[in-house]
Amino acid sequence: MVTSPKDNGLSPMPVLDHLKVRLARSEDSATIASFSAAMALETEGRRLDLDRLYDGTIALLESLDRGFFMVAELEQADDRQLLGQLMITYEWSDWRNGAFWWIQSVYVDPAWRRRSVFRRMHETVMATAKTSPNVCGVRLYVEESNSTAQAVYRKVGLTPSSDVVFAADFVLGRPKGLEDCPTEA
């Protein structure tokens, strides 16, 4: 099993010639859930309920009406390894009479970061979205303090929006460190 670019003795770029970005399947669910748990811990310091996370992963995989996962898979000989994931959900825009695809739950295995894995996933999303007549655009949100991810998103051509996201999370609550401004009301 290839676990990192160094393990196989090849340079990373020829290895990535074997990288395939595809729709996730049910057999990917355990890896997707583990990637999502790692992402939540890394980016927000959250330890997610793994049973809830797994059930939520399965729920999305079983219903394209909710969205879908895309995965980056490296295939060499008889070995297949998932290197990264992202999730797409939908937001209807009455102004545009179309749906925005929201990129969420982006994760690339740390051993494979800075090797164009996310870029390949993003290119696939953009190409697919542009040829889908009901898609009017692509959006992505990122933790405000995650400057590393923001730099990556800028490199692939995404630009910050003028929108600010407000939320009321009934399951996880407010992340630590976020302060409301009650004097503004």
C-alpha atoms as a PDB file:
ATOM      1  CA  MET A   1       0.000   0.000   0.000  1.00  0.00           C
ATOM      2  CA  VAL A   2       1.321   3.431  -0.941  1.00  0.00           C
ATOM      3  CA  THR A   3       0.933   5.638   2.119  1.00  0.00           C
ATOM      4  CA  SER A   4       2.954   8.649   1.061  1.00  0.00           C
ATOM      5  CA  PRO A   5       4.824   9.911  -1.995  1.00  0.00           C
ATOM      6  CA  LYS A   6       8.154   8.934  -0.430  1.00  0.00           C
ATOM      7  CA  ASP A   7       7.179   5.301   0.172  1.00  0.00           C
ATOM      8  CA  ASN A   8       7.164   4.284  -3.467  1.00  0.00           C
ATOM      9  CA  GLY A   9      10.485   5.725  -4.610  1.00  0.00           C
ATOM     10  CA  LEU A  10       8.833   7.748  -7.383  1.00  0.00           C
ATOM     11  CA  SER A  11       8.600  11.482  -7.699  1.00  0.00           C
ATOM     12  CA  PRO A  12       5.158  12.839  -6.745  1.00  0.00           C
ATOM     13  CA  MET A  13       4.094  14.134 -10.158  1.00  0.00           C
ATOM     14  CA  PRO A  14       4.341  10.835 -12.099  1.00  0.00           C
ATOM     15  CA  VAL A  15       2.496   9.166  -9.221  1.00  0.00           C
ATOM     16  CA  LEU A  16      -0.260  11.746  -9.566  1.00  0.00           C
ATOM     17  CA  ASP A  17      -0.602  10.742 -13.203  1.00  0.00           C
ATOM     18  CA  HIS A  18      -2.448   7.785 -11.656  1.00  0.00           C
ATOM     19  CA  LEU A  19      -4.734  10.032  -9.611  1.00  0.00           C
ATOM     20  CA  LYS A  20      -8.402   9.722 -10.445  1.00  0.00           C
ATOM     21  CA  VAL A  21     -11.077  12.104  -9.166  1.00  0.00           C
ATOM     22  CA  ARG A  22     -14.432  10.389  -9.014  1.00  0.00           C
ATOM     23  CA  LEU A  23     -17.791  10.360  -7.270  1.00  0.00           C
ATOM     24  CA  ALA A  24     -17.538   8.626  -3.923  1.00  0.00           C
ATOM     25  CA  ARG A  25     -19.169   5.239  -3.433  1.00  0.00           C
ATOM     26  CA  SER A  26     -20.579   3.555  -0.339  1.00  0.00           C
ATOM     27  CA  GLU A  27     -17.378   1.545   0.109  1.00  0.00           C
ATOM     28  CA  ASP A  28     -15.538   4.856   0.616  1.00  0.00           C
ATOM     29  CA  SER A  29     -17.699   5.817   3.610  1.00  0.00           C
ATOM     30  CA  ALA A  30     -15.292   4.769   6.386  1.00  0.00           C
ATOM     31  CA  THR A  31     -12.388   6.690   4.847  1.00  0.00           C
ATOM     32  CA  ILE A  32     -14.558   9.734   4.169  1.00  0.00           C
ATOM     33  CA  ALA A  33     -15.794   9.754   7.758  1.00  0.00           C
ATOM     34  CA  SER A  34     -12.238   9.422   9.081  1.00  0.00           C
ATOM     35  CA  PHE A  35     -11.067  12.261   6.804  1.00  0.00           C
ATOM     36  CA  SER A  36     -13.969  14.448   7.981  1.00  0.00           C
ATOM     37  CA  ALA A  37     -13.171  13.731  11.637  1.00  0.00           C
ATOM     38  CA  ALA A  38      -9.512  14.591  11.061  1.00  0.00           C
ATOM     39  CA  MET A  39     -10.476  17.802   9.245  1.00  0.00           C
ATOM     40  CA  ALA A  40     -12.789  18.937  12.073  1.00  0.00           C
ATOM     41  CA  LEU A  41     -10.098  18.317  14.674  1.00  0.00           C
ATOM     42  CA  GLU A  42      -7.379  19.986  12.607  1.00  0.00           C
ATOM     43  CA  THR A  43      -9.293  23.077  11.523  1.00  0.00           C
ATOM     44  CA  GLU A  44     -11.701  23.714  14.398  1.00  0.00           C
ATOM     45  CA  GLY A  45     -10.374  21.647  17.292  1.00  0.00           C
ATOM     46  CA  ARG A  46     -13.653  19.680  17.313  1.00  0.00           C
ATOM     47  CA  ARG A  47     -13.936  16.012  18.194  1.00  0.00           C
ATOM     48  CA  LEU A  48     -17.003  14.868  16.304  1.00  0.00           C
ATOM     49  CA  ASP A  49     -19.348  12.080  17.352  1.00  0.00           C
ATOM     50  CA  LEU A  50     -18.040   9.356  15.036  1.00  0.00           C
ATOM     51  CA  ASP A  51     -21.328   7.432  14.852  1.00  0.00           C
ATOM     52  CA  ARG A  52     -23.238  10.589  13.896  1.00  0.00           C
ATOM     53  CA  LEU A  53     -20.535  11.496  11.377  1.00  0.00           C
ATOM     54  CA  TYR A  54     -20.596   8.042   9.774  1.00  0.00           C
ATOM     55  CA  ASP A  55     -24.417   8.092   9.584  1.00  0.00           C
ATOM     56  CA  GLY A  56     -24.285  11.567   8.030  1.00  0.00           C
ATOM     57  CA  THR A  57     -21.731  10.388   5.480  1.00  0.00           C
ATOM     58  CA  ILE A  58     -23.913   7.428   4.510  1.00  0.00           C
ATOM     59  CA  ALA A  59     -27.003   9.668   4.327  1.00  0.00           C
ATOM     60  CA  LEU A  60     -25.295  11.883   1.743  1.00  0.00           C
ATOM     61  CA  LEU A  61     -23.850   8.983  -0.236  1.00  0.00           C
ATOM     62  CA  GLU A  62     -27.336   7.457  -0.483  1.00  0.00           C
ATOM     63  CA  SER A  63     -29.115  10.649  -1.597  1.00  0.00           C
ATOM     64  CA  LEU A  64     -27.873  12.739  -4.512  1.00  0.00           C
ATOM     65  CA  ASP A  65     -30.707  15.156  -3.701  1.00  0.00           C
ATOM     66  CA  ARG A  66     -28.634  16.310  -0.710  1.00  0.00           C
ATOM     67  CA  GLY A  67     -25.300  16.466  -2.481  1.00  0.00           C
ATOM     68  CA  PHE A  68     -22.339  14.215  -3.140  1.00  0.00           C
ATOM     69  CA  PHE A  69     -18.739  13.514  -2.215  1.00  0.00           C
ATOM     70  CA  MET A  70     -15.876  13.501  -4.668  1.00  0.00           C
ATOM     71  CA  VAL A  71     -12.678  11.667  -3.819  1.00  0.00           C
ATOM     72  CA  ALA A  72      -9.150  11.682  -5.167  1.00  0.00           C
ATOM     73  CA  GLU A  73      -8.029   8.103  -5.578  1.00  0.00           C
ATOM     74  CA  LEU A  74      -4.520   6.899  -6.355  1.00  0.00           C
ATOM     75  CA  GLU A  75      -4.461   3.611  -8.178  1.00  0.00           C
ATOM     76  CA  GLN A  76      -1.224   1.673  -8.569  1.00  0.00           C
ATOM     77  CA  ALA A  77      -1.051  -2.008  -9.498  1.00  0.00           C
ATOM     78  CA  ASP A  78      -3.768  -3.655  -7.408  1.00  0.00           C
ATOM     79  CA  ASP A  79      -3.766  -0.976  -4.728  1.00  0.00           C
ATOM     80  CA  ARG A  80      -6.204   1.908  -4.421  1.00  0.00           C
ATOM     81  CA  GLN A  81      -5.859   4.645  -1.835  1.00  0.00           C
ATOM     82  CA  LEU A  82      -8.021   7.685  -1.184  1.00  0.00           C
ATOM     83  CA  LEU A  83      -5.853  10.790  -0.855  1.00  0.00           C
ATOM     84  CA  GLY A  84      -8.521  13.434  -0.460  1.00  0.00           C
ATOM     85  CA  GLN A  85     -12.182  14.340  -0.479  1.00  0.00           C
ATOM     86  CA  LEU A  86     -14.614  17.164  -0.822  1.00  0.00           C
ATOM     87  CA  MET A  87     -18.352  17.378  -0.440  1.00  0.00           C
ATOM     88  CA  ILE A  88     -20.782  19.275  -2.648  1.00  0.00           C
ATOM     89  CA  THR A  89     -24.145  20.493  -1.386  1.00  0.00           C
ATOM     90  CA  TYR A  90     -26.660  22.681  -3.160  1.00  0.00           C
ATOM     91  CA  GLU A  91     -28.088  26.152  -2.578  1.00  0.00           C
ATOM     92  CA  TRP A  92     -30.910  27.340  -4.813  1.00  0.00           C
ATOM     93  CA  SER A  93     -30.654  30.911  -6.124  1.00  0.00           C
ATOM     94  CA  ASP A  94     -33.924  32.490  -7.166  1.00  0.00           C
ATOM     95  CA  TRP A  95     -31.941  35.429  -8.561  1.00  0.00           C
ATOM     96  CA  ARG A  96     -30.146  33.136 -10.980  1.00  0.00           C
ATOM     97  CA  ASN A  97     -32.747  30.392 -11.372  1.00  0.00           C
ATOM     98  CA  GLY A  98     -29.997  27.894 -10.684  1.00  0.00           C
ATOM     99  CA  ALA A  99     -28.105  26.128  -7.933  1.00  0.00           C
ATOM    100  CA  PHE A 100     -24.781  27.022  -6.409  1.00  0.00           C
ATOM    101  CA  TRP A 101     -22.583  24.075  -5.585  1.00  0.00           C
ATOM    102  CA  TRP A 102     -21.059  24.559  -2.143  1.00  0.00           C
ATOM    103  CA  ILE A 103     -17.682  22.893  -1.668  1.00  0.00           C
ATOM    104  CA  GLN A 104     -17.397  21.641   1.897  1.00  0.00           C
ATOM    105  CA  SER A 105     -15.509  19.091   3.985  1.00  0.00           C
ATOM    106  CA  VAL A 106     -12.304  19.519   1.998  1.00  0.00           C
ATOM    107  CA  TYR A 107      -9.556  17.227   3.222  1.00  0.00           C
ATOM    108  CA  VAL A 108      -6.301  15.960   1.736  1.00  0.00           C
ATOM    109  CA  ASP A 109      -4.218  13.396   3.589  1.00  0.00           C
ATOM    110  CA  PRO A 110      -1.306  15.343   5.149  1.00  0.00           C
ATOM    111  CA  ALA A 111       1.278  13.166   3.350  1.00  0.00           C
ATOM    112  CA  TRP A 112      -0.186  14.293   0.015  1.00  0.00           C
ATOM    113  CA  ARG A 113      -0.682  18.013   0.608  1.00  0.00           C
ATOM    114  CA  ARG A 114       1.039  20.561  -1.616  1.00  0.00           C
ATOM    115  CA  ARG A 115       1.065  18.000  -4.437  1.00  0.00           C
ATOM    116  CA  SER A 116      -1.939  19.285  -6.442  1.00  0.00           C
ATOM    117  CA  VAL A 117      -4.455  16.781  -5.057  1.00  0.00           C
ATOM    118  CA  PHE A 118      -6.943  19.507  -4.126  1.00  0.00           C
ATOM    119  CA  ARG A 119      -6.252  21.313  -7.403  1.00  0.00           C
ATOM    120  CA  ARG A 120      -7.248  18.187  -9.344  1.00  0.00           C
ATOM    121  CA  MET A 121     -10.436  17.767  -7.296  1.00  0.00           C
ATOM    122  CA  HIS A 122     -11.287  21.453  -7.764  1.00  0.00           C
ATOM    123  CA  GLU A 123     -10.670  21.306 -11.530  1.00  0.00           C
ATOM    124  CA  THR A 124     -13.032  18.327 -11.756  1.00  0.00           C
ATOM    125  CA  VAL A 125     -15.729  20.126  -9.772  1.00  0.00           C
ATOM    126  CA  MET A 126     -15.423  23.265 -11.895  1.00  0.00           C
ATOM    127  CA  ALA A 127     -15.479  21.381 -15.201  1.00  0.00           C
ATOM    128  CA  THR A 128     -18.520  19.370 -14.125  1.00  0.00           C
ATOM    129  CA  ALA A 129     -20.343  22.406 -12.740  1.00  0.00           C
ATOM    130  CA  LYS A 130     -19.737  24.461 -15.898  1.00  0.00           C
ATOM    131  CA  THR A 131     -21.341  21.775 -18.054  1.00  0.00           C
ATOM    132  CA  SER A 132     -24.364  21.322 -15.763  1.00  0.00           C
ATOM    133  CA  PRO A 133     -27.142  23.625 -17.014  1.00  0.00           C
ATOM    134  CA  ASN A 134     -28.781  24.043 -13.598  1.00  0.00           C
ATOM    135  CA  VAL A 135     -25.551  25.096 -11.824  1.00  0.00           C
ATOM    136  CA  CYS A 136     -25.015  28.849 -11.626  1.00  0.00           C
ATOM    137  CA  GLY A 137     -21.769  28.909  -9.673  1.00  0.00           C
ATOM    138  CA  VAL A 138     -19.508  27.366  -7.062  1.00  0.00           C
ATOM    139  CA  ARG A 139     -19.029  28.598  -3.519  1.00  0.00           C
ATOM    140  CA  LEU A 140     -16.814  27.476  -0.681  1.00  0.00           C
ATOM    141  CA  TYR A 141     -16.583  28.520   2.910  1.00  0.00           C
ATOM    142  CA  VAL A 142     -13.490  28.276   5.049  1.00  0.00           C
ATOM    143  CA  GLU A 143     -12.703  28.990   8.669  1.00  0.00           C
ATOM    144  CA  GLU A 144     -11.697  32.632   8.980  1.00  0.00           C
ATOM    145  CA  SER A 145      -8.447  31.725  10.741  1.00  0.00           C
ATOM    146  CA  ASN A 146      -7.416  29.034   8.232  1.00  0.00           C
ATOM    147  CA  SER A 147      -5.013  31.147   6.199  1.00  0.00           C
ATOM    148  CA  THR A 148      -3.285  28.096   4.698  1.00  0.00           C
ATOM    149  CA  ALA A 149      -6.506  26.845   3.113  1.00  0.00           C
ATOM    150  CA  GLN A 150      -7.428  30.349   1.989  1.00  0.00           C
ATOM    151  CA  ALA A 151      -4.102  30.642   0.152  1.00  0.00           C
ATOM    152  CA  VAL A 152      -4.779  27.329  -1.630  1.00  0.00           C
ATOM    153  CA  TYR A 153      -8.264  28.456  -2.659  1.00  0.00           C
ATOM    154  CA  ARG A 154      -6.886  31.710  -4.054  1.00  0.00           C
ATOM    155  CA  LYS A 155      -4.283  29.761  -6.060  1.00  0.00           C
ATOM    156  CA  VAL A 156      -7.017  27.794  -7.837  1.00  0.00           C
ATOM    157  CA  GLY A 157      -8.836  31.009  -8.770  1.00  0.00           C
ATOM    158  CA  LEU A 158     -11.449  31.371  -6.044  1.00  0.00           C
ATOM    159  CA  THR A 159     -11.920  34.844  -4.600  1.00  0.00           C
ATOM    160  CA  PRO A 160     -13.363  35.958  -1.263  1.00  0.00           C
ATOM    161  CA  SER A 161     -17.043  36.828  -1.341  1.00  0.00           C
ATOM    162  CA  SER A 162     -18.593  39.911   0.176  1.00  0.00           C
ATOM    163  CA  ASP A 163     -20.994  37.620   2.070  1.00  0.00           C
ATOM    164  CA  VAL A 164     -20.563  36.740   5.729  1.00  0.00           C
ATOM    165  CA  VAL A 165     -22.053  33.486   6.988  1.00  0.00           C
ATOM    166  CA  PHE A 166     -24.238  33.600  10.098  1.00  0.00           C
ATOM    167  CA  ALA A 167     -25.455  30.378  11.660  1.00  0.00           C
ATOM    168  CA  ALA A 168     -27.416  28.755  14.446  1.00  0.00           C
ATOM    169  CA  ASP A 169     -26.032  25.231  14.867  1.00  0.00           C
ATOM    170  CA  PHE A 170     -28.509  23.006  16.714  1.00  0.00           C
ATOM    171  CA  VAL A 171     -26.103  20.061  16.999  1.00  0.00           C
ATOM    172  CA  LEU A 172     -22.532  21.284  17.523  1.00  0.00           C
ATOM    173  CA  GLY A 173     -23.207  24.778  18.841  1.00  0.00           C
ATOM    174  CA  ARG A 174     -20.911  27.744  18.486  1.00  0.00           C
ATOM    175  CA  PRO A 175     -17.194  27.115  17.939  1.00  0.00           C
ATOM    176  CA  LYS A 176     -14.925  28.233  20.742  1.00  0.00           C
ATOM    177  CA  GLY A 177     -13.528  31.711  20.332  1.00  0.00           C
ATOM    178  CA  LEU A 178     -16.390  33.118  18.265  1.00  0.00           C
ATOM    179  CA  GLU A 179     -17.948  36.065  20.017  1.00  0.00           C
ATOM    180  CA  ASP A 180     -21.244  37.567  19.124  1.00  0.00           C
ATOM    181  CA  CYS A 181     -21.768  41.328  19.061  1.00  0.00           C
ATOM    182  CA  PRO A 182     -24.999  41.828  21.057  1.00  0.00           C
ATOM    183  CA  THR A 183     -24.487  45.593  21.136  1.00  0.00           C
ATOM    184  CA  GLU A 184     -25.013  45.741  17.365  1.00  0.00           C
ATOM    185  CA  ALA A 185     -28.708  44.849  17.610  1.00  0.00           C
END
